[in-house]
Amino acid sequence: MNWDRIEGNWKQLKGRVVEKWGKLTDDDFDVVAGRREQLAGKIQERYGVAKDEAERQVAAWERSAGDDWFDSPSAKRPTEKL
């Protein structure tokens, strides 16, 4: 998946990020704002992992992203009403 597409649909994909990294806060999401490097930094901070591990996790998550993520109601945060 192209990160530009993830960045452009960041608000829509927040639910997917929460599924993967539940320790991230709403404030973290505001700081990240779809930027890959910021996401890796917040994962590193919240989970206490090394920079290379955080980047590996982001890369794996990015590879798992599919077109269905952008049209699916499950792309919304689990706490949102559909």
PDB file of N, CA and C in Angstrom:
ATOM      1  N   MET A   1       0.856  -1.177   0.000  1.00  0.00           N
ATOM      2  CA  MET A   1       0.000   0.000   0.000  1.00  0.00           C
ATOM      3  C   MET A   1       0.894   1.229   0.000  1.00  0.00           C
ATOM      4  N   ASN A   2       0.468   2.217  -0.699  1.00  0.00           N
ATOM      5  CA  ASN A   2       1.179   3.480  -0.801  1.00  0.00           C
ATOM      6  C   ASN A   2       0.912   4.316   0.452  1.00  0.00           C
ATOM      7  N   TRP A   3       1.978   4.771   1.123  1.00  0.00           N
ATOM      8  CA  TRP A   3       1.780   5.541   2.352  1.00  0.00           C
ATOM      9  C   TRP A   3       1.025   6.838   2.074  1.00  0.00           C
ATOM     10  N   ASP A   4       1.175   7.422   0.900  1.00  0.00           N
ATOM     11  CA  ASP A   4       0.428   8.635   0.565  1.00  0.00           C
ATOM     12  C   ASP A   4      -1.074   8.392   0.687  1.00  0.00           C
ATOM     13  N   ARG A   5      -1.507   7.217   0.311  1.00  0.00           N
ATOM     14  CA  ARG A   5      -2.928   6.891   0.429  1.00  0.00           C
ATOM     15  C   ARG A   5      -3.339   6.751   1.891  1.00  0.00           C
ATOM     16  N   ILE A   6      -2.482   6.151   2.692  1.00  0.00           N
ATOM     17  CA  ILE A   6      -2.748   6.027   4.125  1.00  0.00           C
ATOM     18  C   ILE A   6      -2.817   7.417   4.747  1.00  0.00           C
ATOM     19  N   GLU A   7      -1.856   8.250   4.431  1.00  0.00           N
ATOM     20  CA  GLU A   7      -1.827   9.612   4.977  1.00  0.00           C
ATOM     21  C   GLU A   7      -3.076  10.389   4.574  1.00  0.00           C
ATOM     22  N   GLY A   8      -3.492  10.260   3.329  1.00  0.00           N
ATOM     23  CA  GLY A   8      -4.667  10.966   2.846  1.00  0.00           C
ATOM     24  C   GLY A   8      -5.967  10.501   3.473  1.00  0.00           C
ATOM     25  N   ASN A   9      -5.974   9.289   3.981  1.00  0.00           N
ATOM     26  CA  ASN A   9      -7.174   8.709   4.594  1.00  0.00           C
ATOM     27  C   ASN A   9      -6.963   8.452   6.086  1.00  0.00           C
ATOM     28  N   TRP A  10      -6.089   9.216   6.703  1.00  0.00           N
ATOM     29  CA  TRP A  10      -5.695   8.968   8.088  1.00  0.00           C
ATOM     30  C   TRP A  10      -6.881   8.893   9.036  1.00  0.00           C
ATOM     31  N   LYS A  11      -7.784   9.853   8.956  1.00  0.00           N
ATOM     32  CA  LYS A  11      -8.922   9.851   9.881  1.00  0.00           C
ATOM     33  C   LYS A  11      -9.760   8.590   9.715  1.00  0.00           C
ATOM     34  N   GLN A  12      -9.904   8.139   8.501  1.00  0.00           N
ATOM     35  CA  GLN A  12     -10.679   6.938   8.219  1.00  0.00           C
ATOM     36  C   GLN A  12      -9.973   5.690   8.758  1.00  0.00           C
ATOM     37  N   LEU A  13      -8.662   5.709   8.803  1.00  0.00           N
ATOM     38  CA  LEU A  13      -7.895   4.522   9.193  1.00  0.00           C
ATOM     39  C   LEU A  13      -7.530   4.478  10.669  1.00  0.00           C
ATOM     40  N   LYS A  14      -7.920   5.461  11.436  1.00  0.00           N
ATOM     41  CA  LYS A  14      -7.566   5.481  12.852  1.00  0.00           C
ATOM     42  C   LYS A  14      -8.010   4.210  13.578  1.00  0.00           C
ATOM     43  N   GLY A  15      -9.158   3.689  13.216  1.00  0.00           N
ATOM     44  CA  GLY A  15      -9.638   2.464  13.845  1.00  0.00           C
ATOM     45  C   GLY A  15      -8.703   1.297  13.617  1.00  0.00           C
ATOM     46  N   ARG A  16      -8.136   1.231  12.439  1.00  0.00           N
ATOM     47  CA  ARG A  16      -7.173   0.161  12.141  1.00  0.00           C
ATOM     48  C   ARG A  16      -5.902   0.327  12.965  1.00  0.00           C
ATOM     49  N   VAL A  17      -5.510   1.564  13.182  1.00  0.00           N
ATOM     50  CA  VAL A  17      -4.316   1.830  13.981  1.00  0.00           C
ATOM     51  C   VAL A  17      -4.584   1.449  15.443  1.00  0.00           C
ATOM     52  N   VAL A  18      -5.774   1.783  15.938  1.00  0.00           N
ATOM     53  CA  VAL A  18      -6.138   1.435  17.315  1.00  0.00           C
ATOM     54  C   VAL A  18      -6.145  -0.084  17.500  1.00  0.00           C
ATOM     55  N   GLU A  19      -6.608  -0.822  16.491  1.00  0.00           N
ATOM     56  CA  GLU A  19      -6.610  -2.284  16.576  1.00  0.00           C
ATOM     57  C   GLU A  19      -5.198  -2.817  16.760  1.00  0.00           C
ATOM     58  N   LYS A  20      -4.243  -2.185  16.104  1.00  0.00           N
ATOM     59  CA  LYS A  20      -2.851  -2.643  16.144  1.00  0.00           C
ATOM     60  C   LYS A  20      -2.101  -2.092  17.349  1.00  0.00           C
ATOM     61  N   TRP A  21      -2.276  -0.801  17.631  1.00  0.00           N
ATOM     62  CA  TRP A  21      -1.531  -0.131  18.701  1.00  0.00           C
ATOM     63  C   TRP A  21      -2.514   0.602  19.617  1.00  0.00           C
ATOM     64  N   GLY A  22      -3.162  -0.131  20.490  1.00  0.00           N
ATOM     65  CA  GLY A  22      -4.204   0.407  21.351  1.00  0.00           C
ATOM     66  C   GLY A  22      -3.734   1.389  22.408  1.00  0.00           C
ATOM     67  N   LYS A  23      -2.435   1.462  22.665  1.00  0.00           N
ATOM     68  CA  LYS A  23      -1.925   2.395  23.672  1.00  0.00           C
ATOM     69  C   LYS A  23      -1.834   3.825  23.145  1.00  0.00           C
ATOM     70  N   LEU A  24      -1.976   4.011  21.850  1.00  0.00           N
ATOM     71  CA  LEU A  24      -1.904   5.362  21.295  1.00  0.00           C
ATOM     72  C   LEU A  24      -3.151   6.144  21.690  1.00  0.00           C
ATOM     73  N   THR A  25      -2.961   7.390  22.035  1.00  0.00           N
ATOM     74  CA  THR A  25      -4.053   8.244  22.491  1.00  0.00           C
ATOM     75  C   THR A  25      -4.583   9.112  21.349  1.00  0.00           C
ATOM     76  N   ASP A  26      -5.705   9.765  21.597  1.00  0.00           N
ATOM     77  CA  ASP A  26      -6.233  10.704  20.609  1.00  0.00           C
ATOM     78  C   ASP A  26      -5.237  11.823  20.345  1.00  0.00           C
ATOM     79  N   ASP A  27      -4.547  12.268  21.376  1.00  0.00           N
ATOM     80  CA  ASP A  27      -3.521  13.291  21.190  1.00  0.00           C
ATOM     81  C   ASP A  27      -2.398  12.780  20.293  1.00  0.00           C
ATOM     82  N   ASP A  28      -2.032  11.507  20.459  1.00  0.00           N
ATOM     83  CA  ASP A  28      -1.019  10.908  19.597  1.00  0.00           C
ATOM     84  C   ASP A  28      -1.471  10.943  18.139  1.00  0.00           C
ATOM     85  N   PHE A  29      -2.742  10.610  17.913  1.00  0.00           N
ATOM     86  CA  PHE A  29      -3.265  10.628  16.552  1.00  0.00           C
ATOM     87  C   PHE A  29      -3.204  12.020  15.947  1.00  0.00           C
ATOM     88  N   ASP A  30      -3.487  13.028  16.768  1.00  0.00           N
ATOM     89  CA  ASP A  30      -3.422  14.406  16.286  1.00  0.00           C
ATOM     90  C   ASP A  30      -1.992  14.786  15.904  1.00  0.00           C
ATOM     91  N   VAL A  31      -1.025  14.340  16.692  1.00  0.00           N
ATOM     92  CA  VAL A  31       0.379  14.628  16.405  1.00  0.00           C
ATOM     93  C   VAL A  31       0.833  13.885  15.150  1.00  0.00           C
ATOM     94  N   VAL A  32       0.458  12.632  15.057  1.00  0.00           N
ATOM     95  CA  VAL A  32       0.878  11.804  13.919  1.00  0.00           C
ATOM     96  C   VAL A  32       0.305  12.341  12.611  1.00  0.00           C
ATOM     97  N   ALA A  33      -0.991  12.609  12.608  1.00  0.00           N
ATOM     98  CA  ALA A  33      -1.674  13.180  11.438  1.00  0.00           C
ATOM     99  C   ALA A  33      -1.294  12.476  10.134  1.00  0.00           C
ATOM    100  N   GLY A  34      -1.124  11.158  10.202  1.00  0.00           N
ATOM    101  CA  GLY A  34      -0.855  10.380   9.000  1.00  0.00           C
ATOM    102  C   GLY A  34       0.603  10.304   8.596  1.00  0.00           C
ATOM    103  N   ARG A  35       1.481  10.944   9.334  1.00  0.00           N
ATOM    104  CA  ARG A  35       2.905  10.928   8.976  1.00  0.00           C
ATOM    105  C   ARG A  35       3.572   9.681   9.532  1.00  0.00           C
ATOM    106  N   ARG A  36       4.183   8.942   8.652  1.00  0.00           N
ATOM    107  CA  ARG A  36       4.780   7.646   8.970  1.00  0.00           C
ATOM    108  C   ARG A  36       5.826   7.754  10.082  1.00  0.00           C
ATOM    109  N   GLU A  37       6.736   8.706   9.963  1.00  0.00           N
ATOM    110  CA  GLU A  37       7.808   8.855  10.936  1.00  0.00           C
ATOM    111  C   GLU A  37       7.252   9.187  12.328  1.00  0.00           C
ATOM    112  N   GLN A  38       6.210  10.015  12.353  1.00  0.00           N
ATOM    113  CA  GLN A  38       5.594  10.371  13.627  1.00  0.00           C
ATOM    114  C   GLN A  38       4.917   9.154  14.254  1.00  0.00           C
ATOM    115  N   LEU A  39       4.283   8.325  13.427  1.00  0.00           N
ATOM    116  CA  LEU A  39       3.644   7.110  13.939  1.00  0.00           C
ATOM    117  C   LEU A  39       4.686   6.199  14.567  1.00  0.00           C
ATOM    118  N   ALA A  40       5.782   5.982  13.879  1.00  0.00           N
ATOM    119  CA  ALA A  40       6.847   5.136  14.421  1.00  0.00           C
ATOM    120  C   ALA A  40       7.374   5.714  15.735  1.00  0.00           C
ATOM    121  N   GLY A  41       7.512   7.020  15.796  1.00  0.00           N
ATOM    122  CA  GLY A  41       7.987   7.658  17.024  1.00  0.00           C
ATOM    123  C   GLY A  41       7.033   7.465  18.192  1.00  0.00           C
ATOM    124  N   LYS A  42       5.737   7.587  17.932  1.00  0.00           N
ATOM    125  CA  LYS A  42       4.751   7.401  18.997  1.00  0.00           C
ATOM    126  C   LYS A  42       4.692   5.938  19.448  1.00  0.00           C
ATOM    127  N   ILE A  43       4.856   5.012  18.519  1.00  0.00           N
ATOM    128  CA  ILE A  43       4.896   3.587  18.888  1.00  0.00           C
ATOM    129  C   ILE A  43       6.114   3.337  19.764  1.00  0.00           C
ATOM    130  N   GLN A  44       7.239   3.897  19.374  1.00  0.00           N
ATOM    131  CA  GLN A  44       8.475   3.764  20.149  1.00  0.00           C
ATOM    132  C   GLN A  44       8.269   4.307  21.563  1.00  0.00           C
ATOM    133  N   GLU A  45       7.644   5.460  21.662  1.00  0.00           N
ATOM    134  CA  GLU A  45       7.414   6.110  22.956  1.00  0.00           C
ATOM    135  C   GLU A  45       6.435   5.328  23.834  1.00  0.00           C
ATOM    136  N   ARG A  46       5.283   4.951  23.277  1.00  0.00           N
ATOM    137  CA  ARG A  46       4.239   4.292  24.076  1.00  0.00           C
ATOM    138  C   ARG A  46       4.564   2.856  24.442  1.00  0.00           C
ATOM    139  N   TYR A  47       5.272   2.152  23.548  1.00  0.00           N
ATOM    140  CA  TYR A  47       5.537   0.735  23.779  1.00  0.00           C
ATOM    141  C   TYR A  47       6.951   0.448  24.258  1.00  0.00           C
ATOM    142  N   GLY A  48       7.803   1.477  24.305  1.00  0.00           N
ATOM    143  CA  GLY A  48       9.162   1.295  24.797  1.00  0.00           C
ATOM    144  C   GLY A  48      10.003   0.378  23.935  1.00  0.00           C
ATOM    145  N   VAL A  49       9.799   0.458  22.621  1.00  0.00           N
ATOM    146  CA  VAL A  49      10.580  -0.365  21.702  1.00  0.00           C
ATOM    147  C   VAL A  49      11.625   0.506  21.009  1.00  0.00           C
ATOM    148  N   ALA A  50      12.625  -0.139  20.434  1.00  0.00           N
ATOM    149  CA  ALA A  50      13.673   0.572  19.707  1.00  0.00           C
ATOM    150  C   ALA A  50      13.108   1.159  18.415  1.00  0.00           C
ATOM    151  N   LYS A  51      13.795   2.158  17.908  1.00  0.00           N
ATOM    152  CA  LYS A  51      13.353   2.836  16.688  1.00  0.00           C
ATOM    153  C   LYS A  51      13.195   1.857  15.531  1.00  0.00           C
ATOM    154  N   ASP A  52      14.165   0.956  15.347  1.00  0.00           N
ATOM    155  CA  ASP A  52      14.083   0.010  14.230  1.00  0.00           C
ATOM    156  C   ASP A  52      12.914  -0.955  14.388  1.00  0.00           C
ATOM    157  N   GLU A  53      12.583  -1.315  15.626  1.00  0.00           N
ATOM    158  CA  GLU A  53      11.428  -2.194  15.858  1.00  0.00           C
ATOM    159  C   GLU A  53      10.121  -1.469  15.552  1.00  0.00           C
ATOM    160  N   ALA A  54      10.019  -0.216  15.972  1.00  0.00           N
ATOM    161  CA  ALA A  54       8.820   0.571  15.680  1.00  0.00           C
ATOM    162  C   ALA A  54       8.648   0.731  14.173  1.00  0.00           C
ATOM    163  N   GLU A  55       9.725   1.008  13.471  1.00  0.00           N
ATOM    164  CA  GLU A  55       9.656   1.157  12.021  1.00  0.00           C
ATOM    165  C   GLU A  55       9.297  -0.152  11.342  1.00  0.00           C
ATOM    166  N   ARG A  56       9.796  -1.269  11.888  1.00  0.00           N
ATOM    167  CA  ARG A  56       9.447  -2.594  11.342  1.00  0.00           C
ATOM    168  C   ARG A  56       7.956  -2.854  11.499  1.00  0.00           C
ATOM    169  N   GLN A  57       7.403  -2.507  12.661  1.00  0.00           N
ATOM    170  CA  GLN A  57       5.975  -2.702  12.893  1.00  0.00           C
ATOM    171  C   GLN A  57       5.137  -1.852  11.937  1.00  0.00           C
ATOM    172  N   VAL A  58       5.543  -0.618  11.735  1.00  0.00           N
ATOM    173  CA  VAL A  58       4.803   0.264  10.824  1.00  0.00           C
ATOM    174  C   VAL A  58       4.873  -0.284   9.404  1.00  0.00           C
ATOM    175  N   ALA A  59       6.047  -0.745   8.989  1.00  0.00           N
ATOM    176  CA  ALA A  59       6.203  -1.296   7.642  1.00  0.00           C
ATOM    177  C   ALA A  59       5.328  -2.533   7.454  1.00  0.00           C
ATOM    178  N   ALA A  60       5.274  -3.402   8.456  1.00  0.00           N
ATOM    179  CA  ALA A  60       4.437  -4.604   8.369  1.00  0.00           C
ATOM    180  C   ALA A  60       2.968  -4.218   8.305  1.00  0.00           C
ATOM    181  N   TRP A  61       2.553  -3.245   9.117  1.00  0.00           N
ATOM    182  CA  TRP A  61       1.168  -2.776   9.107  1.00  0.00           C
ATOM    183  C   TRP A  61       0.829  -2.172   7.745  1.00  0.00           C
ATOM    184  N   GLU A  62       1.745  -1.393   7.207  1.00  0.00           N
ATOM    185  CA  GLU A  62       1.539  -0.781   5.889  1.00  0.00           C
ATOM    186  C   GLU A  62       1.354  -1.852   4.815  1.00  0.00           C
ATOM    187  N   ARG A  63       2.177  -2.897   4.862  1.00  0.00           N
ATOM    188  CA  ARG A  63       2.054  -3.983   3.879  1.00  0.00           C
ATOM    189  C   ARG A  63       0.725  -4.714   3.997  1.00  0.00           C
ATOM    190  N   SER A  64       0.165  -4.753   5.203  1.00  0.00           N
ATOM    191  CA  SER A  64      -1.095  -5.467   5.403  1.00  0.00           C
ATOM    192  C   SER A  64      -2.312  -4.648   4.968  1.00  0.00           C
ATOM    193  N   ALA A  65      -2.113  -3.360   4.736  1.00  0.00           N
ATOM    194  CA  ALA A  65      -3.224  -2.480   4.340  1.00  0.00           C
ATOM    195  C   ALA A  65      -3.763  -2.913   2.986  1.00  0.00           C
ATOM    196  N   GLY A  66      -5.080  -3.011   2.906  1.00  0.00           N
ATOM    197  CA  GLY A  66      -5.717  -3.396   1.651  1.00  0.00           C
ATOM    198  C   GLY A  66      -6.733  -2.365   1.220  1.00  0.00           C
ATOM    199  N   ASP A  67      -7.151  -2.452  -0.011  1.00  0.00           N
ATOM    200  CA  ASP A  67      -8.140  -1.511  -0.544  1.00  0.00           C
ATOM    201  C   ASP A  67      -9.430  -1.532   0.268  1.00  0.00           C
ATOM    202  N   ASP A  68      -9.786  -2.694   0.837  1.00  0.00           N
ATOM    203  CA  ASP A  68     -11.015  -2.786   1.618  1.00  0.00           C
ATOM    204  C   ASP A  68     -10.965  -1.925   2.880  1.00  0.00           C
ATOM    205  N   TRP A  69      -9.784  -1.554   3.330  1.00  0.00           N
ATOM    206  CA  TRP A  69      -9.659  -0.685   4.500  1.00  0.00           C
ATOM    207  C   TRP A  69     -10.249   0.696   4.254  1.00  0.00           C
ATOM    208  N   PHE A  70     -10.280   1.118   3.020  1.00  0.00           N
ATOM    209  CA  PHE A  70     -10.686   2.472   2.696  1.00  0.00           C
ATOM    210  C   PHE A  70     -12.182   2.613   2.448  1.00  0.00           C
ATOM    211  N   ASP A  71     -12.883   1.503   2.335  1.00  0.00           N
ATOM    212  CA  ASP A  71     -14.316   1.539   2.079  1.00  0.00           C
ATOM    213  C   ASP A  71     -15.134   0.863   3.166  1.00  0.00           C
ATOM    214  N   SER A  72     -14.455   0.189   4.073  1.00  0.00           N
ATOM    215  CA  SER A  72     -15.133  -0.637   5.070  1.00  0.00           C
ATOM    216  C   SER A  72     -15.542   0.169   6.297  1.00  0.00           C
ATOM    217  N   PRO A  73     -16.749  -0.085   6.827  1.00  0.00           N
ATOM    218  CA  PRO A  73     -17.146   0.564   8.079  1.00  0.00           C
ATOM    219  C   PRO A  73     -16.215   0.210   9.229  1.00  0.00           C
ATOM    220  N   SER A  74     -15.507  -0.932   9.154  1.00  0.00           N
ATOM    221  CA  SER A  74     -14.599  -1.306  10.233  1.00  0.00           C
ATOM    222  C   SER A  74     -13.366  -0.417  10.269  1.00  0.00           C
ATOM    223  N   ALA A  75     -13.196   0.440   9.268  1.00  0.00           N
ATOM    224  CA  ALA A  75     -12.081   1.372   9.271  1.00  0.00           C
ATOM    225  C   ALA A  75     -12.301   2.491  10.279  1.00  0.00           C
ATOM    226  N   LYS A  76     -13.527   2.587  10.800  1.00  0.00           N
ATOM    227  CA  LYS A  76     -13.814   3.594  11.810  1.00  0.00           C
ATOM    228  C   LYS A  76     -13.365   3.102  13.171  1.00  0.00           C
ATOM    229  N   ARG A  77     -13.153   4.020  14.084  1.00  0.00           N
ATOM    230  CA  ARG A  77     -12.774   3.649  15.440  1.00  0.00           C
ATOM    231  C   ARG A  77     -13.884   2.793  16.053  1.00  0.00           C
ATOM    232  N   PRO A  78     -13.516   1.791  16.806  1.00  0.00           N
ATOM    233  CA  PRO A  78     -14.522   0.898  17.399  1.00  0.00           C
ATOM    234  C   PRO A  78     -15.530   1.626  18.268  1.00  0.00           C
ATOM    235  N   THR A  79     -15.208   2.783  18.823  1.00  0.00           N
ATOM    236  CA  THR A  79     -16.127   3.502  19.691  1.00  0.00           C
ATOM    237  C   THR A  79     -17.075   4.404  18.925  1.00  0.00           C
ATOM    238  N   GLU A  80     -16.859   4.568  17.627  1.00  0.00           N
ATOM    239  CA  GLU A  80     -17.742   5.409  16.834  1.00  0.00           C
ATOM    240  C   GLU A  80     -19.012   4.657  16.464  1.00  0.00           C
ATOM    241  N   LYS A  81     -20.098   5.366  16.429  1.00  0.00           N
ATOM    242  CA  LYS A  81     -21.345   4.766  15.947  1.00  0.00           C
ATOM    243  C   LYS A  81     -21.349   4.840  14.432  1.00  0.00           C
ATOM    244  N   LEU A  82     -21.796   3.777  13.812  1.00  0.00           N
ATOM    245  CA  LEU A  82     -21.839   3.730  12.342  1.00  0.00           C
ATOM    246  C   LEU A  82     -23.045   4.440  11.809  1.00  0.00           C
TER     247      LEU A  82
END
